[in-house]
Amino acid sequence: MLVVGLPRNMDGSLGPQAARTMSFAEALREIGLPVVFCDERLSSAAAEGYFAEVRGRRPRPGERVDHVAASLILQEYLDGDGADEPGQGPCHDTGHGGMGHDR
């Protein structure tokens, strides 16, 4: 199972980067890898909050904020912070392969 951050606009719509991400995920599915999308809106802000909370400071230039954001997205998936129905929570399978449900 691959958990992929889906970059949605703040209104929930999908923009050009989301289209590229979905195309990449489809290529992964074509070779048999199951993919689940997780809404990555505000993940970078949450990662910066992690730095402030855990390290007591904002991230310095060059620090791996994206790595922390990716870990937060994965943790959200593992914690099952989605809804019971596919596509209703922050992490879901889009019905094009994968497990066919949130987790």
N, C-alpha and C. Protein backbone atom coordinates (compact mmCIF):
# COMPACT_ATOMS: atom_id res chain seq x y z
N MET A 1 0.85 -1.17 0.00
CA MET A 1 0.00 0.00 0.00
C MET A 1 0.90 1.23 0.00
N LEU A 2 0.65 2.11 -0.94
CA LEU A 2 1.36 3.39 -1.00
C LEU A 2 0.39 4.49 -0.61
N VAL A 3 0.79 5.29 0.34
CA VAL A 3 -0.01 6.43 0.76
C VAL A 3 0.57 7.66 0.08
N VAL A 4 -0.26 8.31 -0.72
CA VAL A 4 0.17 9.44 -1.54
C VAL A 4 -0.57 10.70 -1.12
N GLY A 5 0.17 11.76 -0.83
CA GLY A 5 -0.46 13.04 -0.50
C GLY A 5 -1.06 13.66 -1.76
N LEU A 6 -2.34 13.99 -1.69
CA LEU A 6 -3.04 14.61 -2.82
C LEU A 6 -3.16 16.10 -2.57
N PRO A 7 -2.48 16.91 -3.37
CA PRO A 7 -2.49 18.36 -3.15
C PRO A 7 -3.78 19.02 -3.66
N ARG A 8 -4.72 19.18 -2.77
CA ARG A 8 -5.99 19.85 -3.11
C ARG A 8 -5.86 21.34 -2.84
N ASN A 9 -6.67 22.11 -3.56
CA ASN A 9 -6.78 23.54 -3.26
C ASN A 9 -7.53 23.68 -1.93
N MET A 10 -7.46 24.85 -1.33
CA MET A 10 -8.10 25.04 -0.03
C MET A 10 -9.62 24.84 -0.09
N ASP A 11 -10.23 25.04 -1.25
CA ASP A 11 -11.67 24.81 -1.38
C ASP A 11 -12.00 23.34 -1.68
N GLY A 12 -10.98 22.49 -1.70
CA GLY A 12 -11.17 21.07 -1.94
C GLY A 12 -11.09 20.65 -3.39
N SER A 13 -11.02 21.61 -4.29
CA SER A 13 -10.93 21.28 -5.71
C SER A 13 -9.52 20.77 -6.05
N LEU A 14 -9.42 20.17 -7.22
CA LEU A 14 -8.15 19.63 -7.69
C LEU A 14 -7.55 20.56 -8.73
N GLY A 15 -6.28 20.87 -8.56
CA GLY A 15 -5.58 21.74 -9.50
C GLY A 15 -4.59 20.95 -10.34
N PRO A 16 -3.72 21.65 -11.06
CA PRO A 16 -2.76 20.99 -11.96
C PRO A 16 -1.81 20.02 -11.25
N GLN A 17 -1.34 20.37 -10.07
CA GLN A 17 -0.42 19.47 -9.36
C GLN A 17 -1.15 18.20 -8.92
N ALA A 18 -2.39 18.32 -8.53
CA ALA A 18 -3.19 17.13 -8.17
C ALA A 18 -3.36 16.22 -9.38
N ALA A 19 -3.56 16.82 -10.55
CA ALA A 19 -3.70 16.01 -11.77
C ALA A 19 -2.41 15.24 -12.06
N ARG A 20 -1.27 15.88 -11.86
CA ARG A 20 0.01 15.18 -12.06
C ARG A 20 0.18 14.06 -11.03
N THR A 21 -0.21 14.32 -9.80
CA THR A 21 -0.11 13.32 -8.75
C THR A 21 -1.00 12.12 -9.06
N MET A 22 -2.21 12.38 -9.51
CA MET A 22 -3.14 11.30 -9.84
C MET A 22 -2.65 10.49 -11.04
N SER A 23 -2.03 11.15 -11.99
CA SER A 23 -1.48 10.45 -13.14
C SER A 23 -0.34 9.52 -12.70
N PHE A 24 0.51 10.01 -11.80
CA PHE A 24 1.60 9.20 -11.26
C PHE A 24 1.03 7.99 -10.51
N ALA A 25 0.01 8.22 -9.70
CA ALA A 25 -0.61 7.13 -8.94
C ALA A 25 -1.22 6.10 -9.88
N GLU A 26 -1.82 6.55 -10.96
CA GLU A 26 -2.41 5.62 -11.93
C GLU A 26 -1.32 4.74 -12.56
N ALA A 27 -0.16 5.33 -12.84
CA ALA A 27 0.96 4.54 -13.38
C ALA A 27 1.41 3.48 -12.37
N LEU A 28 1.41 3.84 -11.10
CA LEU A 28 1.77 2.87 -10.06
C LEU A 28 0.74 1.74 -10.00
N ARG A 29 -0.53 2.09 -10.12
CA ARG A 29 -1.59 1.08 -10.09
C ARG A 29 -1.48 0.14 -11.29
N GLU A 30 -1.09 0.68 -12.43
CA GLU A 30 -0.97 -0.15 -13.64
C GLU A 30 0.08 -1.23 -13.48
N ILE A 31 1.06 -1.03 -12.61
CA ILE A 31 2.06 -2.07 -12.38
C ILE A 31 1.73 -2.88 -11.12
N GLY A 32 0.50 -2.70 -10.61
CA GLY A 32 0.02 -3.54 -9.53
C GLY A 32 0.21 -3.03 -8.12
N LEU A 33 0.60 -1.79 -7.96
CA LEU A 33 0.79 -1.24 -6.62
C LEU A 33 -0.48 -0.53 -6.15
N PRO A 34 -1.01 -0.93 -5.01
CA PRO A 34 -2.21 -0.25 -4.50
C PRO A 34 -1.86 1.14 -3.95
N VAL A 35 -2.71 2.11 -4.23
CA VAL A 35 -2.46 3.50 -3.85
C VAL A 35 -3.67 4.04 -3.11
N VAL A 36 -3.41 4.76 -2.03
CA VAL A 36 -4.45 5.48 -1.29
C VAL A 36 -4.02 6.93 -1.24
N PHE A 37 -4.95 7.84 -1.52
CA PHE A 37 -4.67 9.27 -1.44
C PHE A 37 -5.02 9.80 -0.05
N CYS A 38 -4.21 10.71 0.43
CA CYS A 38 -4.52 11.45 1.65
C CYS A 38 -4.46 12.94 1.31
N ASP A 39 -5.46 13.66 1.75
CA ASP A 39 -5.51 15.10 1.55
C ASP A 39 -4.32 15.72 2.27
N GLU A 40 -3.49 16.43 1.54
CA GLU A 40 -2.29 17.00 2.16
C GLU A 40 -2.42 18.50 2.45
N ARG A 41 -3.63 19.03 2.33
CA ARG A 41 -3.81 20.45 2.65
C ARG A 41 -3.33 20.72 4.07
N LEU A 42 -2.58 21.78 4.21
CA LEU A 42 -2.07 22.26 5.50
C LEU A 42 -1.05 21.33 6.15
N SER A 43 -0.56 20.32 5.43
CA SER A 43 0.44 19.42 6.03
C SER A 43 1.76 20.14 6.30
N SER A 44 2.14 21.08 5.43
CA SER A 44 3.38 21.83 5.67
C SER A 44 3.23 22.74 6.88
N ALA A 45 2.05 23.34 7.04
CA ALA A 45 1.79 24.18 8.21
C ALA A 45 1.83 23.33 9.48
N ALA A 46 1.27 22.12 9.41
CA ALA A 46 1.31 21.23 10.57
C ALA A 46 2.74 20.82 10.89
N ALA A 47 3.56 20.61 9.85
CA ALA A 47 4.96 20.26 10.06
C ALA A 47 5.70 21.41 10.73
N GLU A 48 5.42 22.63 10.30
CA GLU A 48 6.05 23.78 10.94
C GLU A 48 5.60 23.89 12.40
N GLY A 49 4.33 23.56 12.66
CA GLY A 49 3.84 23.53 14.04
C GLY A 49 4.55 22.49 14.87
N TYR A 50 4.89 21.36 14.24
CA TYR A 50 5.65 20.31 14.92
C TYR A 50 7.00 20.86 15.37
N PHE A 51 7.67 21.56 14.47
CA PHE A 51 8.97 22.15 14.84
C PHE A 51 8.81 23.08 16.03
N ALA A 52 7.78 23.91 16.01
CA ALA A 52 7.56 24.87 17.09
C ALA A 52 7.26 24.15 18.40
N GLU A 53 6.42 23.12 18.33
CA GLU A 53 6.00 22.42 19.54
C GLU A 53 7.11 21.53 20.11
N VAL A 54 7.73 20.73 19.26
CA VAL A 54 8.70 19.74 19.72
C VAL A 54 10.09 20.33 19.90
N ARG A 55 10.47 21.19 18.99
CA ARG A 55 11.83 21.75 19.03
C ARG A 55 11.88 23.15 19.62
N GLY A 56 10.71 23.73 19.85
CA GLY A 56 10.67 25.05 20.46
C GLY A 56 11.08 26.19 19.54
N ARG A 57 11.04 25.95 18.25
CA ARG A 57 11.43 26.99 17.28
C ARG A 57 10.82 26.66 15.93
N ARG A 58 10.83 27.64 15.05
CA ARG A 58 10.40 27.44 13.68
C ARG A 58 11.52 26.72 12.92
N PRO A 59 11.16 26.04 11.83
CA PRO A 59 12.21 25.36 11.06
C PRO A 59 13.21 26.35 10.46
N ARG A 60 14.44 25.93 10.43
CA ARG A 60 15.48 26.75 9.80
C ARG A 60 15.49 26.48 8.30
N PRO A 61 16.01 27.43 7.51
CA PRO A 61 16.12 27.18 6.07
C PRO A 61 16.90 25.89 5.81
N GLY A 62 16.39 25.08 4.93
CA GLY A 62 17.06 23.83 4.59
C GLY A 62 16.62 22.64 5.43
N GLU A 63 15.90 22.88 6.53
CA GLU A 63 15.41 21.75 7.31
C GLU A 63 14.29 21.05 6.53
N ARG A 64 14.15 19.80 6.76
CA ARG A 64 13.28 18.94 5.97
C ARG A 64 11.82 19.02 6.38
N VAL A 65 11.20 20.17 6.14
CA VAL A 65 9.79 20.34 6.49
C VAL A 65 8.93 19.36 5.69
N ASP A 66 9.25 19.14 4.42
CA ASP A 66 8.46 18.22 3.59
C ASP A 66 8.51 16.79 4.12
N HIS A 67 9.67 16.40 4.67
CA HIS A 67 9.78 15.05 5.25
C HIS A 67 8.86 14.91 6.46
N VAL A 68 8.83 15.93 7.28
CA VAL A 68 7.96 15.91 8.46
C VAL A 68 6.50 15.91 8.00
N ALA A 69 6.17 16.72 7.00
CA ALA A 69 4.80 16.76 6.48
C ALA A 69 4.39 15.38 5.95
N ALA A 70 5.28 14.71 5.23
CA ALA A 70 4.99 13.37 4.71
C ALA A 70 4.75 12.39 5.86
N SER A 71 5.53 12.50 6.93
CA SER A 71 5.31 11.60 8.07
C SER A 71 3.97 11.86 8.73
N LEU A 72 3.56 13.12 8.79
CA LEU A 72 2.26 13.46 9.37
C LEU A 72 1.11 12.91 8.52
N ILE A 73 1.27 12.97 7.20
CA ILE A 73 0.26 12.42 6.29
C ILE A 73 0.16 10.91 6.49
N LEU A 74 1.30 10.23 6.56
CA LEU A 74 1.30 8.78 6.78
C LEU A 74 0.69 8.45 8.13
N GLN A 75 1.04 9.20 9.16
CA GLN A 75 0.48 8.94 10.48
C GLN A 75 -1.04 9.12 10.49
N GLU A 76 -1.53 10.12 9.76
CA GLU A 76 -2.98 10.33 9.65
C GLU A 76 -3.65 9.09 9.06
N TYR A 77 -3.03 8.54 8.03
CA TYR A 77 -3.56 7.31 7.42
C TYR A 77 -3.54 6.16 8.42
N LEU A 78 -2.40 5.96 9.08
CA LEU A 78 -2.26 4.85 10.02
C LEU A 78 -3.21 4.97 11.20
N ASP A 79 -3.47 6.20 11.62
CA ASP A 79 -4.39 6.43 12.73
C ASP A 79 -5.84 6.23 12.33
N GLY A 80 -6.08 6.19 11.01
CA GLY A 80 -7.45 5.99 10.53
C GLY A 80 -8.33 7.20 10.76
N ASP A 81 -7.76 8.39 10.58
CA ASP A 81 -8.51 9.62 10.81
C ASP A 81 -9.47 9.94 9.68
N GLY A 82 -9.85 8.96 8.90
CA GLY A 82 -10.83 9.17 7.84
C GLY A 82 -12.21 8.76 8.29
N ALA A 83 -13.17 8.95 7.43
CA ALA A 83 -14.54 8.54 7.72
C ALA A 83 -14.69 7.05 7.42
N ASP A 84 -15.84 6.48 7.74
CA ASP A 84 -16.08 5.06 7.49
C ASP A 84 -16.34 4.77 6.02
N GLU A 85 -16.78 5.76 5.28
CA GLU A 85 -17.09 5.57 3.87
C GLU A 85 -15.93 6.05 3.00
N PRO A 86 -15.61 5.31 1.92
CA PRO A 86 -14.52 5.73 1.03
C PRO A 86 -14.73 7.13 0.49
N GLY A 87 -13.66 7.89 0.46
CA GLY A 87 -13.71 9.22 -0.11
C GLY A 87 -14.27 10.29 0.81
N GLN A 88 -14.65 9.93 2.03
CA GLN A 88 -15.26 10.90 2.93
C GLN A 88 -14.28 11.48 3.94
N GLY A 89 -13.16 10.85 4.16
CA GLY A 89 -12.18 11.34 5.12
C GLY A 89 -10.96 11.87 4.42
N PRO A 90 -9.93 12.23 5.17
CA PRO A 90 -8.72 12.78 4.56
C PRO A 90 -7.92 11.75 3.76
N CYS A 91 -8.11 10.46 4.05
CA CYS A 91 -7.39 9.41 3.31
C CYS A 91 -8.40 8.45 2.70
N HIS A 92 -8.25 8.19 1.41
CA HIS A 92 -9.19 7.29 0.75
C HIS A 92 -8.64 6.73 -0.54
N ASP A 93 -9.19 5.59 -0.90
CA ASP A 93 -8.94 5.00 -2.21
C ASP A 93 -9.95 5.61 -3.17
N THR A 94 -9.52 5.90 -4.38
CA THR A 94 -10.41 6.55 -5.34
C THR A 94 -11.23 5.57 -6.15
N GLY A 95 -11.11 4.29 -5.87
CA GLY A 95 -11.88 3.30 -6.61
C GLY A 95 -11.20 2.80 -7.86
N HIS A 96 -9.96 3.20 -8.09
CA HIS A 96 -9.23 2.75 -9.27
C HIS A 96 -8.17 1.74 -8.89
N GLY A 97 -8.45 0.88 -7.98
CA GLY A 97 -7.47 -0.09 -7.52
C GLY A 97 -7.26 0.08 -6.04
N GLY A 98 -6.25 -0.57 -5.51
CA GLY A 98 -6.00 -0.44 -4.08
C GLY A 98 -6.96 -1.31 -3.30
N MET A 99 -7.23 -0.95 -2.08
CA MET A 99 -8.01 -1.78 -1.19
C MET A 99 -9.51 -1.50 -1.30
N GLY A 100 -9.92 -0.38 -1.85
CA GLY A 100 -11.33 -0.11 -2.02
C GLY A 100 -12.02 0.46 -0.81
N HIS A 101 -11.27 0.81 0.20
CA HIS A 101 -11.85 1.45 1.37
C HIS A 101 -10.81 2.35 2.00
N ASP A 102 -11.20 3.07 3.04
CA ASP A 102 -10.30 4.07 3.63
C ASP A 102 -8.97 3.49 4.03
N ARG A 103 -8.98 2.33 4.67
CA ARG A 103 -7.73 1.79 5.18
C ARG A 103 -7.49 0.43 4.66
